[in-house]
């Protein structure tokens, strides 16, 4: 999708885990923060739906941080 992400590994430093808990209130990942749209959320499915809705144009398949994100309900053979 051409997005630039600031990925943080909560297992790499106590300060990163503290930041996650401070921002989201839980020790749970994944946690998406889209500061440009003042949006934050947990739950993989919700995050994928949000990214598809706000960042995927048309009915194309895109790669997001190495993961395939489908803009339609159609699943490619490699994902089956």
Protein backbone atom coordinates (compact mmCIF):
# COMPACT_ATOMS: atom_id res chain seq x y z
CA UNK A 1 0.00 0.00 0.00
CA UNK A 2 3.03 2.21 0.12
CA UNK A 3 2.52 3.10 3.77
CA UNK A 4 5.43 4.00 5.99
CA UNK A 5 5.05 2.42 9.39
CA UNK A 6 6.68 2.84 12.73
CA UNK A 7 6.67 -0.78 13.92
CA UNK A 8 7.44 -1.34 17.56
CA UNK A 9 8.29 -4.65 19.21
CA UNK A 10 6.90 -4.71 22.75
CA UNK A 11 9.29 -7.52 23.65
CA UNK A 12 12.38 -5.47 22.81
CA UNK A 13 12.14 -2.80 25.52
CA UNK A 14 10.13 -2.10 28.65
CA UNK A 15 9.56 1.51 27.51
CA UNK A 16 7.78 0.32 24.35
CA UNK A 17 5.48 -1.93 26.37
CA UNK A 18 4.79 0.94 28.77
CA UNK A 19 3.92 3.18 25.81
CA UNK A 20 1.47 0.58 24.46
CA UNK A 21 -0.29 0.31 27.82
CA UNK A 22 -0.34 4.09 28.25
CA UNK A 23 -1.86 4.68 24.80
CA UNK A 24 -4.23 1.73 24.57
CA UNK A 25 -4.83 0.70 28.15
CA UNK A 26 -4.03 -2.97 27.47
CA UNK A 27 -1.03 -5.23 27.01
CA UNK A 28 -2.37 -6.50 23.69
CA UNK A 29 -0.99 -6.53 20.16
CA UNK A 30 -1.51 -5.79 17.39
CA UNK A 31 -2.42 -2.20 18.14
CA UNK A 32 -2.72 0.27 15.30
CA UNK A 33 -2.32 4.00 15.82
CA UNK A 34 -3.18 6.14 12.78
CA UNK A 35 -2.26 9.56 14.10
CA UNK A 36 -3.20 11.21 10.80
CA UNK A 37 -6.82 10.17 11.27
CA UNK A 38 -6.82 10.28 15.09
CA UNK A 39 -7.69 6.56 15.18
CA UNK A 40 -6.38 3.71 17.30
CA UNK A 41 -7.57 0.11 17.55
CA UNK A 42 -6.84 -3.46 18.57
CA UNK A 43 -7.94 -6.67 16.78
CA UNK A 44 -6.31 -7.87 13.57
CA UNK A 45 -9.57 -8.13 11.61
CA UNK A 46 -10.59 -4.59 12.52
CA UNK A 47 -7.15 -3.28 11.59
CA UNK A 48 -7.21 -5.02 8.20
CA UNK A 49 -10.74 -3.74 7.48
CA UNK A 50 -9.70 -0.21 8.49
CA UNK A 51 -6.59 -0.26 6.28
CA UNK A 52 -8.56 -1.61 3.31
CA UNK A 53 -11.23 1.06 3.75
CA UNK A 54 -8.86 3.99 4.16
CA UNK A 55 -5.72 3.05 2.21
CA UNK A 56 -6.54 0.53 -0.56
CA UNK A 57 -7.73 2.00 -3.83
CA UNK A 58 -10.00 0.05 -6.18
CA UNK A 59 -10.17 -3.74 -6.25
CA UNK A 60 -6.47 -4.39 -6.17
CA UNK A 61 -4.47 -6.64 -3.92
CA UNK A 62 -1.76 -4.86 -1.96
CA UNK A 63 1.04 -5.80 0.37
CA UNK A 64 1.05 -4.31 3.84
CA UNK A 65 4.21 -4.97 5.83
CA UNK A 66 4.71 -8.24 3.96
CA UNK A 67 1.10 -9.41 4.41
CA UNK A 68 -1.37 -9.58 1.55
CA UNK A 69 -4.41 -7.39 1.95
CA UNK A 70 -7.31 -8.03 -0.41
CA UNK A 71 -9.59 -5.15 -1.35
CA UNK A 72 -12.41 -7.53 -2.21
CA UNK A 73 -13.77 -10.72 -0.69
CA UNK A 74 -12.01 -12.70 -3.44
CA UNK A 75 -9.03 -14.68 -2.13
CA UNK A 76 -6.08 -15.52 -4.36
CA UNK A 77 -4.83 -19.09 -4.75
CA UNK A 78 -1.69 -18.44 -2.70
CA UNK A 79 -3.81 -17.37 0.30
CA UNK A 80 -6.14 -20.39 0.22
